[in-house]
Protein backbone atom coordinates (compact mmCIF):
# COMPACT_ATOMS: atom_id res chain seq x y z
CA UNK A 1 0.00 0.00 0.00
CA UNK A 2 1.39 3.38 -1.00
CA UNK A 3 1.64 6.31 1.37
CA UNK A 4 -0.05 9.66 0.74
CA UNK A 5 1.45 11.31 -2.32
CA UNK A 6 3.91 8.46 -2.86
CA UNK A 7 5.42 8.28 -6.31
CA UNK A 8 8.06 6.08 -7.88
CA UNK A 9 10.71 8.08 -9.72
CA UNK A 10 11.77 6.50 -13.00
CA UNK A 11 14.74 6.64 -15.35
CA UNK A 12 14.58 4.51 -18.50
CA UNK A 13 11.62 2.57 -17.06
CA UNK A 14 13.60 1.61 -13.92
CA UNK A 15 12.57 2.80 -10.46
CA UNK A 16 15.48 4.91 -9.21
CA UNK A 17 13.82 6.66 -6.29
CA UNK A 18 10.68 7.48 -4.39
CA UNK A 19 8.99 10.55 -2.96
CA UNK A 20 6.27 10.50 -0.30
CA UNK A 21 4.87 12.18 2.80
CA UNK A 22 6.70 10.52 5.68
CA UNK A 23 4.93 9.33 8.82
CA UNK A 24 7.83 10.59 10.93
CA UNK A 25 9.72 13.62 9.63
CA UNK A 26 11.36 16.80 10.88
CA UNK A 27 8.86 19.53 11.81
CA UNK A 28 7.97 21.55 8.73
CA UNK A 29 9.49 19.03 6.30
CA UNK A 30 6.95 16.24 5.79
CA UNK A 31 8.06 15.21 2.29
CA UNK A 32 10.81 12.59 2.00
CA UNK A 33 12.77 11.65 -1.09
CA UNK A 34 15.09 8.68 -1.40
CA UNK A 35 17.24 7.03 -4.04
CA UNK A 36 16.41 3.38 -4.62
CA UNK A 37 18.92 0.80 -3.39
CA UNK A 38 21.40 0.09 -6.15
CA UNK A 39 21.41 3.70 -7.38
CA UNK A 40 23.41 5.27 -4.54
CA UNK A 41 26.80 4.94 -6.31
CA UNK A 42 29.00 7.85 -5.19
CA UNK A 43 26.18 10.25 -4.43
CA UNK A 44 26.60 12.03 -1.12
CA UNK A 45 22.89 12.58 -0.48
CA UNK A 46 20.77 9.44 -0.83
CA UNK A 47 17.67 10.74 0.95
CA UNK A 48 16.29 13.88 2.50
CA UNK A 49 13.27 15.83 3.72
CA UNK A 50 11.62 18.95 2.35
CA UNK A 51 8.75 21.29 3.17
CA UNK A 52 6.96 20.74 -0.14
CA UNK A 53 6.66 18.02 -2.75
CA UNK A 54 8.25 20.36 -5.30
CA UNK A 55 11.24 21.02 -3.03
CA UNK A 56 11.67 17.28 -2.47
CA UNK A 57 11.59 16.68 -6.23
CA UNK A 58 14.23 19.39 -6.74
CA UNK A 59 16.48 17.89 -4.05
CA UNK A 60 16.12 14.42 -5.58
CA UNK A 61 16.96 15.78 -9.03
CA UNK A 62 20.05 17.57 -7.68
CA UNK A 63 21.32 14.36 -6.08
CA UNK A 64 20.50 12.28 -9.16
CA UNK A 65 22.34 14.65 -11.53
CA UNK A 66 25.54 14.63 -9.47
CA UNK A 67 26.59 11.32 -10.93
C-alpha atoms as a PDB file:
ATOM      1  CA  UNK A   1       0.000   0.000   0.000  1.00  0.00           C
ATOM      2  CA  UNK A   2       1.390   3.379  -1.004  1.00  0.00           C
ATOM      3  CA  UNK A   3       1.639   6.308   1.369  1.00  0.00           C
ATOM      4  CA  UNK A   4      -0.046   9.660   0.737  1.00  0.00           C
ATOM      5  CA  UNK A   5       1.450  11.312  -2.321  1.00  0.00           C
ATOM      6  CA  UNK A   6       3.915   8.463  -2.861  1.00  0.00           C
ATOM      7  CA  UNK A   7       5.416   8.277  -6.310  1.00  0.00           C
ATOM      8  CA  UNK A   8       8.059   6.084  -7.881  1.00  0.00           C
ATOM      9  CA  UNK A   9      10.715   8.080  -9.722  1.00  0.00           C
ATOM     10  CA  UNK A  10      11.768   6.498 -13.004  1.00  0.00           C
ATOM     11  CA  UNK A  11      14.744   6.642 -15.347  1.00  0.00           C
ATOM     12  CA  UNK A  12      14.583   4.512 -18.499  1.00  0.00           C
ATOM     13  CA  UNK A  13      11.625   2.569 -17.057  1.00  0.00           C
ATOM     14  CA  UNK A  14      13.595   1.606 -13.922  1.00  0.00           C
ATOM     15  CA  UNK A  15      12.566   2.795 -10.455  1.00  0.00           C
ATOM     16  CA  UNK A  16      15.482   4.909  -9.205  1.00  0.00           C
ATOM     17  CA  UNK A  17      13.824   6.656  -6.289  1.00  0.00           C
ATOM     18  CA  UNK A  18      10.682   7.476  -4.388  1.00  0.00           C
ATOM     19  CA  UNK A  19       8.991  10.548  -2.958  1.00  0.00           C
ATOM     20  CA  UNK A  20       6.270  10.500  -0.301  1.00  0.00           C
ATOM     21  CA  UNK A  21       4.866  12.179   2.805  1.00  0.00           C
ATOM     22  CA  UNK A  22       6.702  10.518   5.678  1.00  0.00           C
ATOM     23  CA  UNK A  23       4.930   9.333   8.822  1.00  0.00           C
ATOM     24  CA  UNK A  24       7.833  10.593  10.935  1.00  0.00           C
ATOM     25  CA  UNK A  25       9.721  13.615   9.632  1.00  0.00           C
ATOM     26  CA  UNK A  26      11.363  16.804  10.876  1.00  0.00           C
ATOM     27  CA  UNK A  27       8.861  19.527  11.810  1.00  0.00           C
ATOM     28  CA  UNK A  28       7.973  21.548   8.727  1.00  0.00           C
ATOM     29  CA  UNK A  29       9.491  19.032   6.296  1.00  0.00           C
ATOM     30  CA  UNK A  30       6.955  16.241   5.786  1.00  0.00           C
ATOM     31  CA  UNK A  31       8.062  15.208   2.287  1.00  0.00           C
ATOM     32  CA  UNK A  32      10.812  12.592   1.996  1.00  0.00           C
ATOM     33  CA  UNK A  33      12.771  11.653  -1.088  1.00  0.00           C
ATOM     34  CA  UNK A  34      15.091   8.682  -1.404  1.00  0.00           C
ATOM     35  CA  UNK A  35      17.239   7.029  -4.039  1.00  0.00           C
ATOM     36  CA  UNK A  36      16.415   3.382  -4.621  1.00  0.00           C
ATOM     37  CA  UNK A  37      18.924   0.798  -3.391  1.00  0.00           C
ATOM     38  CA  UNK A  38      21.404   0.089  -6.151  1.00  0.00           C
ATOM     39  CA  UNK A  39      21.408   3.697  -7.376  1.00  0.00           C
ATOM     40  CA  UNK A  40      23.412   5.273  -4.540  1.00  0.00           C
ATOM     41  CA  UNK A  41      26.795   4.940  -6.312  1.00  0.00           C
ATOM     42  CA  UNK A  42      29.004   7.851  -5.191  1.00  0.00           C
ATOM     43  CA  UNK A  43      26.180  10.249  -4.431  1.00  0.00           C
ATOM     44  CA  UNK A  44      26.601  12.026  -1.116  1.00  0.00           C
ATOM     45  CA  UNK A  45      22.894  12.585  -0.479  1.00  0.00           C
ATOM     46  CA  UNK A  46      20.775   9.437  -0.829  1.00  0.00           C
ATOM     47  CA  UNK A  47      17.674  10.741   0.954  1.00  0.00           C
ATOM     48  CA  UNK A  48      16.293  13.884   2.504  1.00  0.00           C
ATOM     49  CA  UNK A  49      13.274  15.831   3.720  1.00  0.00           C
ATOM     50  CA  UNK A  50      11.617  18.952   2.352  1.00  0.00           C
ATOM     51  CA  UNK A  51       8.750  21.292   3.168  1.00  0.00           C
ATOM     52  CA  UNK A  52       6.959  20.740  -0.140  1.00  0.00           C
ATOM     53  CA  UNK A  53       6.660  18.022  -2.754  1.00  0.00           C
ATOM     54  CA  UNK A  54       8.250  20.362  -5.299  1.00  0.00           C
ATOM     55  CA  UNK A  55      11.239  21.021  -3.034  1.00  0.00           C
ATOM     56  CA  UNK A  56      11.667  17.283  -2.469  1.00  0.00           C
ATOM     57  CA  UNK A  57      11.593  16.685  -6.234  1.00  0.00           C
ATOM     58  CA  UNK A  58      14.232  19.386  -6.742  1.00  0.00           C
ATOM     59  CA  UNK A  59      16.481  17.886  -4.050  1.00  0.00           C
ATOM     60  CA  UNK A  60      16.121  14.418  -5.578  1.00  0.00           C
ATOM     61  CA  UNK A  61      16.963  15.784  -9.034  1.00  0.00           C
ATOM     62  CA  UNK A  62      20.047  17.568  -7.680  1.00  0.00           C
ATOM     63  CA  UNK A  63      21.322  14.360  -6.078  1.00  0.00           C
ATOM     64  CA  UNK A  64      20.504  12.281  -9.162  1.00  0.00           C
ATOM     65  CA  UNK A  65      22.337  14.653 -11.535  1.00  0.00           C
ATOM     66  CA  UNK A  66      25.541  14.634  -9.469  1.00  0.00           C
ATOM     67  CA  UNK A  67      26.594  11.316 -10.930  1.00  0.00           C
END
